[in-house]
Amino acid sequence: VQLQASGGGLVQPGGFLRLSCAASGRTLSNYATAWFRQAPGKEREFVAFTGWSGRTKLHAESVKGRFTISRDNAKNTVYLQMNALKPEDAAVYYCAARLDYSGDTYYTKQSEYRNWGQGTLVTVSS
C-alpha cells in the first residue's frame, strides 16, 4: 500500500490542523495505521495509533486530549485532528501502516511499520 500525507502548514499557537493520509494500491481496511512525527534535531516519535477497524486507538501522552486519530476505510484515509497546537508540536508528520488481522494489538514502534508516507510539515508559530 502507498501512503500520501497532506494537510500540514503554518498555524499559530492554539490553532488547529487536520492531517490526512490517503492510501492507494490496496484497501486500508486490513492495515493498522499510525502517525509519527520528527522535529529538527530529534528522533522520530510516536503520536497516535488506530487499529484496522478504528475501534482501538492510542495517543501519546504529549498529545492526549488535543489530537485525535480517526480513519474512514471507505475513503481509504486516516486522519489526525490536531487542536490547541503548541510550538513543540512543530515537526514533519508521517503516516505509517502495517498489515494487521488481529485488530487488538497496539503498534507504537517505528520498526513495526513497513509502509510509510512521505511526511507533511507542520509549523506552529506566531
Protein backbone atom coordinates (compact mmCIF):
# COMPACT_ATOMS: atom_id res chain seq x y z
CA VAL A 1 0.00 0.00 0.00
CA GLN A 2 1.22 3.52 -0.85
CA LEU A 3 0.58 6.37 1.55
CA GLN A 4 0.29 10.09 0.82
CA ALA A 5 0.20 12.50 3.76
CA SER A 6 -1.19 16.02 3.40
CA GLY A 7 -2.69 18.87 5.39
CA GLY A 8 0.37 20.35 7.02
CA GLY A 9 1.04 24.06 7.11
CA LEU A 10 1.71 27.10 9.25
CA VAL A 11 -0.60 27.68 12.20
CA GLN A 12 -0.50 29.95 15.23
CA PRO A 13 -0.22 28.51 18.74
CA GLY A 14 -3.66 27.42 19.89
CA GLY A 15 -4.77 26.77 16.33
CA PHE A 16 -5.76 23.55 14.64
CA LEU A 17 -4.99 21.44 11.60
CA ARG A 18 -6.27 18.18 10.20
CA LEU A 19 -3.79 15.89 8.55
CA SER A 20 -4.88 13.27 6.05
CA CYS A 21 -3.16 10.10 4.93
CA ALA A 22 -4.60 8.69 1.73
CA ALA A 23 -3.81 5.11 0.81
CA SER A 24 -3.63 3.65 -2.67
CA GLY A 25 -2.76 0.33 -4.17
CA ARG A 26 -4.59 -1.74 -1.59
CA THR A 27 -7.51 -1.33 0.73
CA LEU A 28 -6.56 0.15 4.07
CA SER A 29 -9.11 -1.94 5.93
CA ASN A 30 -6.56 -4.70 6.63
CA TYR A 31 -3.97 -2.29 7.97
CA ALA A 32 -3.28 -0.83 11.36
CA THR A 33 -2.14 2.77 10.98
CA ALA A 34 -0.28 5.37 12.97
CA TRP A 35 1.12 8.86 12.91
CA PHE A 36 4.68 9.65 13.90
CA ARG A 37 6.50 12.98 13.93
CA GLN A 38 10.06 14.19 13.77
CA ALA A 39 11.17 17.62 14.88
CA PRO A 40 14.51 19.09 13.75
CA GLY A 41 17.39 17.51 15.64
CA LYS A 42 15.14 15.00 17.35
CA GLU A 43 14.27 11.36 16.81
CA ARG A 44 11.02 10.33 15.20
CA GLU A 45 8.38 9.71 17.84
CA PHE A 46 5.01 8.01 18.06
CA VAL A 47 1.95 10.27 18.03
CA ALA A 48 -1.17 8.16 17.57
CA PHE A 49 -2.38 4.71 16.52
CA THR A 50 -5.59 3.16 15.29
CA GLY A 51 -6.35 -0.46 14.50
CA TRP A 52 -7.84 -1.59 11.22
CA SER A 53 -11.42 -1.18 12.41
CA GLY A 54 -10.90 2.20 14.06
CA ARG A 55 -12.17 0.91 17.40
CA THR A 56 -8.74 0.62 19.02
CA LYS A 57 -6.88 3.88 19.43
CA LEU A 58 -3.89 5.12 21.35
CA HIS A 59 -2.44 8.61 21.66
CA ALA A 60 0.91 9.67 23.04
CA GLU A 61 0.73 11.39 26.40
CA SER A 62 2.11 14.59 24.89
CA VAL A 63 -0.90 14.93 22.56
CA LYS A 64 -3.66 13.23 24.55
CA GLY A 65 -6.75 15.41 24.77
CA ARG A 66 -5.58 17.62 21.91
CA PHE A 67 -5.05 15.24 18.96
CA THR A 68 -7.46 12.61 17.68
CA ILE A 69 -6.71 9.88 15.19
CA SER A 70 -9.52 8.52 13.07
CA ARG A 71 -10.00 6.63 9.84
CA ASP A 72 -12.52 6.18 7.08
CA ASN A 73 -11.93 2.82 5.44
CA ALA A 74 -14.48 3.58 2.75
CA LYS A 75 -12.30 6.52 1.69
CA ASN A 76 -9.05 4.64 2.35
CA THR A 77 -7.90 7.54 4.50
CA VAL A 78 -6.58 8.09 8.01
CA TYR A 79 -6.82 11.47 9.74
CA LEU A 80 -5.12 13.27 12.58
CA GLN A 81 -7.13 16.13 14.03
CA MET A 82 -4.77 18.42 15.89
CA ASN A 83 -6.23 21.06 18.20
CA ALA A 84 -4.67 23.50 20.64
CA LEU A 85 -1.36 23.29 18.81
CA LYS A 86 1.80 24.23 20.64
CA PRO A 87 5.18 25.30 19.27
CA GLU A 88 6.58 21.96 20.41
CA ASP A 89 4.17 20.18 18.06
CA ALA A 90 6.06 21.56 15.08
CA ALA A 91 7.54 18.68 13.11
CA VAL A 92 7.29 16.64 9.98
CA TYR A 93 4.38 14.25 10.46
CA TYR A 94 4.46 10.81 8.89
CA CYS A 95 1.71 8.28 8.49
CA ALA A 96 2.51 4.60 8.60
CA ALA A 97 0.66 1.35 8.02
CA ARG A 98 1.11 -2.34 8.60
CA LEU A 99 -0.98 -5.39 7.89
CA ASP A 100 -2.94 -6.48 10.91
CA TYR A 101 -5.73 -9.03 11.07
CA SER A 102 -5.98 -9.25 14.84
CA GLY A 103 -7.43 -5.82 15.46
CA ASP A 104 -6.45 -5.87 19.13
CA THR A 105 -2.70 -5.24 19.08
CA TYR A 106 -1.26 -1.78 19.59
CA TYR A 107 1.74 -0.93 17.42
CA THR A 108 3.70 2.12 18.55
CA LYS A 109 7.25 1.43 17.34
CA GLN A 110 8.63 2.60 14.01
CA SER A 111 10.14 -0.82 13.40
CA GLU A 112 6.68 -2.37 13.45
CA TYR A 113 5.63 -0.49 10.31
CA ARG A 114 6.54 -1.39 6.79
CA ASN A 115 4.66 1.26 4.82
CA TRP A 116 5.35 4.98 5.22
CA GLY A 117 4.10 8.19 3.67
CA GLN A 118 6.44 10.99 2.63
CA GLY A 119 5.65 13.33 5.52
CA THR A 120 3.89 16.66 5.83
CA LEU A 121 5.38 19.69 7.61
CA VAL A 122 3.56 21.32 10.50
CA THR A 123 4.86 24.68 11.69
CA VAL A 124 3.45 26.29 14.82
CA SER A 125 4.50 29.88 15.20
CA SER A 126 3.06 33.31 15.83
